[in-house]
Amino acid sequence: MIKSIIFDFNRTLYIPELQKIPEETIQLLKNLKNMGFSLALISIREAKREDIINTYNLHSIFSILKFVDEKTINIFKETLQSLKCNPDEVIVVGDRIKSEIKIANALGIKTIWYKQGKFSKELPVEKIEFPNWTIDNLSKMISLIKKIT
């Protein structure tokens, strides 16, 4: 049973080209939280990211916010421990096959590839890079999550 969802930040939730998190994305996150999921965010540490988090009051939605220099297996392991979840109780959502999808797959975590934007042409090559599910719009997450759980 899925208990938690780990999200990538940049280009999954926050659209840098628009310099915003779309309102429908904020509503999706609130809906997922209201459905009982613990939400975590893993973001590369960059200037103004924490300001964006504060602007959108994401502290009230996410139980874990991690800003890291590099996404690694250890960062994801630490996040699992903080969530008090096993890999089979978590889903990772991200736009990078070569980053969060590959790392989560290596840990046995189910993955949703948000195939949208800059990295949508970065296709999986190795078996470990193939996501469990692919969506091209975050609005499809609720129905997918309902099918999964």
C-alpha atoms as a PDB file:
ATOM      1  CA  MET A   1       0.000   0.000   0.000  1.00  0.00           C
ATOM      2  CA  ILE A   2       1.312   3.425  -0.943  1.00  0.00           C
ATOM      3  CA  LYS A   3       1.722   5.741   2.052  1.00  0.00           C
ATOM      4  CA  SER A   4       4.063   8.433   0.745  1.00  0.00           C
ATOM      5  CA  ILE A   5       4.976  10.282  -2.425  1.00  0.00           C
ATOM      6  CA  ILE A   6       8.358  11.874  -3.054  1.00  0.00           C
ATOM      7  CA  PHE A   7       8.376  14.689  -5.587  1.00  0.00           C
ATOM      8  CA  ASP A   8      11.154  16.276  -7.561  1.00  0.00           C
ATOM      9  CA  PHE A   9      10.874  20.067  -7.481  1.00  0.00           C
ATOM     10  CA  ASN A  10      12.275  21.771 -10.571  1.00  0.00           C
ATOM     11  CA  ARG A  11      10.284  21.125 -13.763  1.00  0.00           C
ATOM     12  CA  THR A  12       8.032  18.673 -11.943  1.00  0.00           C
ATOM     13  CA  LEU A  13       6.284  21.098  -9.594  1.00  0.00           C
ATOM     14  CA  TYR A  14       8.001  24.404 -10.306  1.00  0.00           C
ATOM     15  CA  ILE A  15       8.146  25.535 -13.937  1.00  0.00           C
ATOM     16  CA  PRO A  16      11.241  27.769 -14.226  1.00  0.00           C
ATOM     17  CA  GLU A  17      10.298  29.042 -17.675  1.00  0.00           C
ATOM     18  CA  LEU A  18       7.085  30.432 -16.145  1.00  0.00           C
ATOM     19  CA  GLN A  19       8.722  31.158 -12.776  1.00  0.00           C
ATOM     20  CA  LYS A  20       5.813  29.619 -10.914  1.00  0.00           C
ATOM     21  CA  ILE A  21       4.108  26.542  -9.576  1.00  0.00           C
ATOM     22  CA  PRO A  22       0.795  26.283 -11.425  1.00  0.00           C
ATOM     23  CA  GLU A  23      -2.303  26.590  -9.224  1.00  0.00           C
ATOM     24  CA  GLU A  24      -3.536  23.167 -10.377  1.00  0.00           C
ATOM     25  CA  THR A  25      -0.266  21.667  -9.117  1.00  0.00           C
ATOM     26  CA  ILE A  26      -0.752  23.235  -5.685  1.00  0.00           C
ATOM     27  CA  GLN A  27      -4.306  21.878  -5.637  1.00  0.00           C
ATOM     28  CA  LEU A  28      -3.048  18.405  -6.610  1.00  0.00           C
ATOM     29  CA  LEU A  29      -0.577  18.432  -3.719  1.00  0.00           C
ATOM     30  CA  LYS A  30      -3.282  19.514  -1.276  1.00  0.00           C
ATOM     31  CA  ASN A  31      -5.599  16.788  -2.578  1.00  0.00           C
ATOM     32  CA  LEU A  32      -2.903  14.122  -2.176  1.00  0.00           C
ATOM     33  CA  LYS A  33      -2.237  15.300   1.383  1.00  0.00           C
ATOM     34  CA  ASN A  34      -5.974  15.272   2.139  1.00  0.00           C
ATOM     35  CA  MET A  35      -6.127  11.704   0.792  1.00  0.00           C
ATOM     36  CA  GLY A  36      -3.710  10.766   3.592  1.00  0.00           C
ATOM     37  CA  PHE A  37      -0.390  10.592   1.750  1.00  0.00           C
ATOM     38  CA  SER A  38       2.770  11.927   3.376  1.00  0.00           C
ATOM     39  CA  LEU A  39       4.545  14.122   0.847  1.00  0.00           C
ATOM     40  CA  ALA A  40       8.264  14.717   0.558  1.00  0.00           C
ATOM     41  CA  LEU A  41      10.214  17.027  -1.704  1.00  0.00           C
ATOM     42  CA  ILE A  42      13.788  16.559  -2.868  1.00  0.00           C
ATOM     43  CA  SER A  43      15.328  19.535  -4.648  1.00  0.00           C
ATOM     44  CA  ILE A  44      18.758  20.488  -5.819  1.00  0.00           C
ATOM     45  CA  ARG A  45      19.950  23.403  -3.673  1.00  0.00           C
ATOM     46  CA  GLU A  46      19.864  26.548  -5.791  1.00  0.00           C
ATOM     47  CA  ALA A  47      19.459  30.231  -5.135  1.00  0.00           C
ATOM     48  CA  LYS A  48      15.907  31.286  -4.301  1.00  0.00           C
ATOM     49  CA  ARG A  49      14.452  27.756  -4.159  1.00  0.00           C
ATOM     50  CA  GLU A  50      13.693  28.103  -0.470  1.00  0.00           C
ATOM     51  CA  ASP A  51      12.095  31.495  -1.171  1.00  0.00           C
ATOM     52  CA  ILE A  52       9.809  29.802  -3.713  1.00  0.00           C
ATOM     53  CA  ILE A  53       8.903  27.161  -1.115  1.00  0.00           C
ATOM     54  CA  ASN A  54       7.984  29.931   1.328  1.00  0.00           C
ATOM     55  CA  THR A  55       6.025  31.894  -1.288  1.00  0.00           C
ATOM     56  CA  TYR A  56       3.807  28.883  -1.969  1.00  0.00           C
ATOM     57  CA  ASN A  57       3.693  27.842   1.707  1.00  0.00           C
ATOM     58  CA  LEU A  58       4.828  24.333   0.774  1.00  0.00           C
ATOM     59  CA  HIS A  59       5.891  23.740   4.398  1.00  0.00           C
ATOM     60  CA  SER A  60       2.202  23.229   5.154  1.00  0.00           C
ATOM     61  CA  ILE A  61       1.867  20.539   2.456  1.00  0.00           C
ATOM     62  CA  PHE A  62       5.142  18.592   2.616  1.00  0.00           C
ATOM     63  CA  SER A  63       6.225  16.721   5.726  1.00  0.00           C
ATOM     64  CA  ILE A  64       9.817  16.586   4.409  1.00  0.00           C
ATOM     65  CA  LEU A  65      11.678  19.198   2.370  1.00  0.00           C
ATOM     66  CA  LYS A  66      15.248  18.324   1.365  1.00  0.00           C
ATOM     67  CA  PHE A  67      17.619  20.675  -0.422  1.00  0.00           C
ATOM     68  CA  VAL A  68      20.695  18.814  -1.627  1.00  0.00           C
ATOM     69  CA  ASP A  69      23.785  19.443  -3.704  1.00  0.00           C
ATOM     70  CA  GLU A  70      23.216  16.235  -5.644  1.00  0.00           C
ATOM     71  CA  LYS A  71      20.486  13.604  -5.726  1.00  0.00           C
ATOM     72  CA  THR A  72      21.966  10.324  -4.568  1.00  0.00           C
ATOM     73  CA  ILE A  73      20.801   6.921  -3.408  1.00  0.00           C
ATOM     74  CA  ASN A  74      21.708   7.915   0.171  1.00  0.00           C
ATOM     75  CA  ILE A  75      19.477  11.019   0.003  1.00  0.00           C
ATOM     76  CA  PHE A  76      16.558   8.844  -1.081  1.00  0.00           C
ATOM     77  CA  LYS A  77      17.355   6.251   1.623  1.00  0.00           C
ATOM     78  CA  GLU A  78      17.383   9.023   4.254  1.00  0.00           C
ATOM     79  CA  THR A  79      14.042  10.278   2.941  1.00  0.00           C
ATOM     80  CA  LEU A  80      12.542   6.778   3.206  1.00  0.00           C
ATOM     81  CA  GLN A  81      13.765   6.574   6.800  1.00  0.00           C
ATOM     82  CA  SER A  82      12.320  10.006   7.609  1.00  0.00           C
ATOM     83  CA  LEU A  83       8.997   8.945   6.095  1.00  0.00           C
ATOM     84  CA  LYS A  84       9.182   5.697   8.102  1.00  0.00           C
ATOM     85  CA  CYS A  85       8.366   3.775   4.923  1.00  0.00           C
ATOM     86  CA  ASN A  86       9.651   0.770   3.065  1.00  0.00           C
ATOM     87  CA  PRO A  87      10.395   1.203  -0.657  1.00  0.00           C
ATOM     88  CA  ASP A  88       7.163  -0.592  -1.627  1.00  0.00           C
ATOM     89  CA  GLU A  89       5.121   2.019   0.286  1.00  0.00           C
ATOM     90  CA  VAL A  90       6.446   4.985  -1.709  1.00  0.00           C
ATOM     91  CA  ILE A  91       6.182   6.453  -5.182  1.00  0.00           C
ATOM     92  CA  VAL A  92       8.692   8.904  -6.653  1.00  0.00           C
ATOM     93  CA  VAL A  93       7.489  11.470  -9.192  1.00  0.00           C
ATOM     94  CA  GLY A  94      10.035  13.257 -11.347  1.00  0.00           C
ATOM     95  CA  ASP A  95      10.878  14.518 -14.803  1.00  0.00           C
ATOM     96  CA  ARG A  96      14.411  13.077 -15.096  1.00  0.00           C
ATOM     97  CA  ILE A  97      14.962   9.491 -16.156  1.00  0.00           C
ATOM     98  CA  LYS A  98      18.707   9.805 -15.469  1.00  0.00           C
ATOM     99  CA  SER A  99      18.172  11.214 -11.960  1.00  0.00           C
ATOM    100  CA  GLU A 100      15.223  10.608  -9.616  1.00  0.00           C
ATOM    101  CA  ILE A 101      13.648   7.807 -11.693  1.00  0.00           C
ATOM    102  CA  LYS A 102      16.887   5.827 -11.951  1.00  0.00           C
ATOM    103  CA  ILE A 103      17.740   6.318  -8.258  1.00  0.00           C
ATOM    104  CA  ALA A 104      14.263   5.344  -7.061  1.00  0.00           C
ATOM    105  CA  ASN A 105      14.228   2.258  -9.290  1.00  0.00           C
ATOM    106  CA  ALA A 106      17.591   1.202  -7.859  1.00  0.00           C
ATOM    107  CA  LEU A 107      15.998   1.235  -4.387  1.00  0.00           C
ATOM    108  CA  GLY A 108      12.895  -0.680  -5.463  1.00  0.00           C
ATOM    109  CA  ILE A 109      10.637   2.379  -5.218  1.00  0.00           C
ATOM    110  CA  LYS A 110       7.805   2.666  -7.748  1.00  0.00           C
ATOM    111  CA  THR A 111       8.246   5.568 -10.156  1.00  0.00           C
ATOM    112  CA  ILE A 112       6.111   7.950 -12.159  1.00  0.00           C
ATOM    113  CA  TRP A 113       7.914   9.760 -14.936  1.00  0.00           C
ATOM    114  CA  TYR A 114       6.435  13.195 -15.550  1.00  0.00           C
ATOM    115  CA  LYS A 115       7.286  13.296 -19.246  1.00  0.00           C
ATOM    116  CA  GLN A 116       6.945  16.997 -19.861  1.00  0.00           C
ATOM    117  CA  GLY A 117       9.218  19.881 -20.717  1.00  0.00           C
ATOM    118  CA  LYS A 118      12.970  20.063 -21.133  1.00  0.00           C
ATOM    119  CA  PHE A 119      13.787  16.423 -20.301  1.00  0.00           C
ATOM    120  CA  SER A 120      10.844  14.732 -22.021  1.00  0.00           C
ATOM    121  CA  LYS A 121      13.115  13.618 -24.881  1.00  0.00           C
ATOM    122  CA  GLU A 122      15.630  12.044 -22.457  1.00  0.00           C
ATOM    123  CA  LEU A 123      14.421   8.483 -22.931  1.00  0.00           C
ATOM    124  CA  PRO A 124      15.317   5.460 -20.815  1.00  0.00           C
ATOM    125  CA  VAL A 125      18.212   3.385 -22.135  1.00  0.00           C
ATOM    126  CA  GLU A 126      19.132   1.045 -19.291  1.00  0.00           C
ATOM    127  CA  LYS A 127      16.543  -1.231 -17.668  1.00  0.00           C
ATOM    128  CA  ILE A 128      16.947   0.648 -14.373  1.00  0.00           C
ATOM    129  CA  GLU A 129      15.802   3.886 -16.065  1.00  0.00           C
ATOM    130  CA  PHE A 130      12.365   2.644 -17.125  1.00  0.00           C
ATOM    131  CA  PRO A 131       9.578   4.107 -14.961  1.00  0.00           C
ATOM    132  CA  ASN A 132       6.634   2.079 -13.699  1.00  0.00           C
ATOM    133  CA  TRP A 133       4.239   4.672 -15.112  1.00  0.00           C
ATOM    134  CA  THR A 134       4.482   7.699 -17.378  1.00  0.00           C
ATOM    135  CA  ILE A 135       2.217  10.746 -17.353  1.00  0.00           C
ATOM    136  CA  ASP A 136       2.344  13.904 -19.432  1.00  0.00           C
ATOM    137  CA  ASN A 137       0.157  15.968 -17.127  1.00  0.00           C
ATOM    138  CA  LEU A 138       0.179  16.034 -13.321  1.00  0.00           C
ATOM    139  CA  SER A 139      -3.620  16.172 -13.333  1.00  0.00           C
ATOM    140  CA  LYS A 140      -3.515  12.454 -14.250  1.00  0.00           C
ATOM    141  CA  MET A 141      -1.874  11.582 -10.929  1.00  0.00           C
ATOM    142  CA  ILE A 142      -4.993  11.228  -8.788  1.00  0.00           C
ATOM    143  CA  SER A 143      -6.614   8.667 -11.084  1.00  0.00           C
ATOM    144  CA  LEU A 144      -3.297   6.803 -11.425  1.00  0.00           C
ATOM    145  CA  ILE A 145      -2.749   6.761  -7.652  1.00  0.00           C
ATOM    146  CA  LYS A 146      -6.294   5.440  -7.136  1.00  0.00           C
ATOM    147  CA  LYS A 147      -5.563   2.585  -9.578  1.00  0.00           C
ATOM    148  CA  ILE A 148      -2.278   1.780  -7.852  1.00  0.00           C
ATOM    149  CA  THR A 149      -3.582   1.731  -4.268  1.00  0.00           C
END
